[in-house]
Amino acid sequence: MQTNEIYDRLTDLFRELFADDSIVLTPQTTANDIEGWDSFNHISVVVAVETRFGVKMTTAEIEGLANVGALVAAIESKLPR
């Protein structure tokens, strides 16, 4: 899966989770940039990502996600090549 496809799928996921069709994700996007993305909803994001992409993230990986770029990198590292 190409990086741009991951961003497209993540954008759709975020738009659904946060009920906001105006969300556009970039590598620098953080929780502060998206209304409603708090620590509780972060868990929902991670669970949805794991389900949609068929990956499993460790607690350390989840805690290390500083922005969407880090999330994309984590997804890419877990997808078959």
C-alpha atoms as a PDB file:
ATOM      1  CA  MET A   1       0.000   0.000   0.000  1.00  0.00           C
ATOM      2  CA  GLN A   2       1.361   3.395  -0.984  1.00  0.00           C
ATOM      3  CA  THR A   3       1.734   6.234   1.522  1.00  0.00           C
ATOM      4  CA  ASN A   4      -0.837   8.398  -0.277  1.00  0.00           C
ATOM      5  CA  GLU A   5      -3.376   5.551  -0.067  1.00  0.00           C
ATOM      6  CA  ILE A   6      -2.802   5.326   3.683  1.00  0.00           C
ATOM      7  CA  TYR A   7      -3.438   9.076   3.995  1.00  0.00           C
ATOM      8  CA  ASP A   8      -6.627   8.752   1.904  1.00  0.00           C
ATOM      9  CA  ARG A   9      -7.925   5.894   4.051  1.00  0.00           C
ATOM     10  CA  LEU A  10      -6.961   7.698   7.269  1.00  0.00           C
ATOM     11  CA  THR A  11      -8.679  10.882   6.103  1.00  0.00           C
ATOM     12  CA  ASP A  12     -11.892   8.924   5.488  1.00  0.00           C
ATOM     13  CA  LEU A  13     -11.563   7.296   8.910  1.00  0.00           C
ATOM     14  CA  PHE A  14     -11.019  10.628  10.696  1.00  0.00           C
ATOM     15  CA  ARG A  15     -13.916  12.254   8.842  1.00  0.00           C
ATOM     16  CA  GLU A  16     -16.182   9.425   9.995  1.00  0.00           C
ATOM     17  CA  LEU A  17     -14.949   9.342  13.598  1.00  0.00           C
ATOM     18  CA  PHE A  18     -15.133  13.095  14.086  1.00  0.00           C
ATOM     19  CA  ALA A  19     -18.148  13.723  11.808  1.00  0.00           C
ATOM     20  CA  ASP A  20     -16.254  16.433   9.933  1.00  0.00           C
ATOM     21  CA  ASP A  21     -15.920  16.207   6.151  1.00  0.00           C
ATOM     22  CA  SER A  22     -13.527  19.158   6.113  1.00  0.00           C
ATOM     23  CA  ILE A  23     -10.670  17.235   7.789  1.00  0.00           C
ATOM     24  CA  VAL A  24      -7.536  17.083   5.648  1.00  0.00           C
ATOM     25  CA  LEU A  25      -4.667  15.153   7.204  1.00  0.00           C
ATOM     26  CA  THR A  26      -1.021  16.069   6.724  1.00  0.00           C
ATOM     27  CA  PRO A  27       2.079  14.550   8.333  1.00  0.00           C
ATOM     28  CA  GLN A  28       2.110  17.456  10.796  1.00  0.00           C
ATOM     29  CA  THR A  29      -1.554  17.126  11.884  1.00  0.00           C
ATOM     30  CA  THR A  30      -1.862  16.650  15.658  1.00  0.00           C
ATOM     31  CA  ALA A  31      -4.728  16.116  18.067  1.00  0.00           C
ATOM     32  CA  ASN A  32      -4.730  19.879  18.699  1.00  0.00           C
ATOM     33  CA  ASP A  33      -5.672  20.430  15.056  1.00  0.00           C
ATOM     34  CA  ILE A  34      -8.851  18.325  15.142  1.00  0.00           C
ATOM     35  CA  GLU A  35     -11.785  19.274  17.318  1.00  0.00           C
ATOM     36  CA  GLY A  36     -12.765  16.410  19.588  1.00  0.00           C
ATOM     37  CA  TRP A  37      -9.492  14.477  19.284  1.00  0.00           C
ATOM     38  CA  ASP A  38      -8.777  14.055  22.970  1.00  0.00           C
ATOM     39  CA  SER A  39      -7.189  11.206  24.921  1.00  0.00           C
ATOM     40  CA  PHE A  40     -10.456   9.254  25.004  1.00  0.00           C
ATOM     41  CA  ASN A  41     -11.018   9.572  21.254  1.00  0.00           C
ATOM     42  CA  HIS A  42      -7.366   8.734  20.632  1.00  0.00           C
ATOM     43  CA  ILE A  43      -8.197   5.187  21.704  1.00  0.00           C
ATOM     44  CA  SER A  44     -11.050   5.121  19.183  1.00  0.00           C
ATOM     45  CA  VAL A  45      -8.669   6.307  16.470  1.00  0.00           C
ATOM     46  CA  VAL A  46      -6.142   3.578  17.290  1.00  0.00           C
ATOM     47  CA  VAL A  47      -8.785   0.828  17.398  1.00  0.00           C
ATOM     48  CA  ALA A  48     -10.252   2.002  14.089  1.00  0.00           C
ATOM     49  CA  VAL A  49      -6.784   2.124  12.502  1.00  0.00           C
ATOM     50  CA  GLU A  50      -5.980  -1.373  13.721  1.00  0.00           C
ATOM     51  CA  THR A  51      -9.267  -2.680  12.339  1.00  0.00           C
ATOM     52  CA  ARG A  52      -9.144  -0.928   8.978  1.00  0.00           C
ATOM     53  CA  PHE A  53      -5.510  -1.639   8.241  1.00  0.00           C
ATOM     54  CA  GLY A  54      -5.328  -5.067   9.885  1.00  0.00           C
ATOM     55  CA  VAL A  55      -2.425  -4.093  12.132  1.00  0.00           C
ATOM     56  CA  LYS A  56      -1.786  -4.247  15.869  1.00  0.00           C
ATOM     57  CA  MET A  57       0.036  -1.458  17.684  1.00  0.00           C
ATOM     58  CA  THR A  58       1.911  -1.747  20.959  1.00  0.00           C
ATOM     59  CA  THR A  59       1.332   0.573  23.883  1.00  0.00           C
ATOM     60  CA  ALA A  60       4.768   2.118  23.346  1.00  0.00           C
ATOM     61  CA  GLU A  61       3.977   2.793  19.684  1.00  0.00           C
ATOM     62  CA  ILE A  62       0.645   4.381  20.577  1.00  0.00           C
ATOM     63  CA  GLU A  63       2.260   6.593  23.213  1.00  0.00           C
ATOM     64  CA  GLY A  64       4.909   7.679  20.704  1.00  0.00           C
ATOM     65  CA  LEU A  65       2.445   8.992  18.134  1.00  0.00           C
ATOM     66  CA  ALA A  66       3.161  12.716  18.059  1.00  0.00           C
ATOM     67  CA  ASN A  67       1.325  13.417  14.803  1.00  0.00           C
ATOM     68  CA  VAL A  68      -0.372  11.811  11.813  1.00  0.00           C
ATOM     69  CA  GLY A  69       2.975  11.361  10.079  1.00  0.00           C
ATOM     70  CA  ALA A  70       4.102   9.122  12.954  1.00  0.00           C
ATOM     71  CA  LEU A  71       0.830   7.195  12.708  1.00  0.00           C
ATOM     72  CA  VAL A  72       1.338   6.654   8.977  1.00  0.00           C
ATOM     73  CA  ALA A  73       4.921   5.497   9.581  1.00  0.00           C
ATOM     74  CA  ALA A  74       3.696   3.038  12.219  1.00  0.00           C
ATOM     75  CA  ILE A  75       1.070   1.664   9.835  1.00  0.00           C
ATOM     76  CA  GLU A  76       3.603   1.362   7.016  1.00  0.00           C
ATOM     77  CA  SER A  77       6.023  -0.544   9.248  1.00  0.00           C
ATOM     78  CA  LYS A  78       3.358  -3.148   9.975  1.00  0.00           C
ATOM     79  CA  LEU A  79       1.952  -3.708   6.494  1.00  0.00           C
ATOM     80  CA  PRO A  80       3.277  -6.531   4.363  1.00  0.00           C
ATOM     81  CA  ARG A  81       5.732  -5.387   1.750  1.00  0.00           C
END
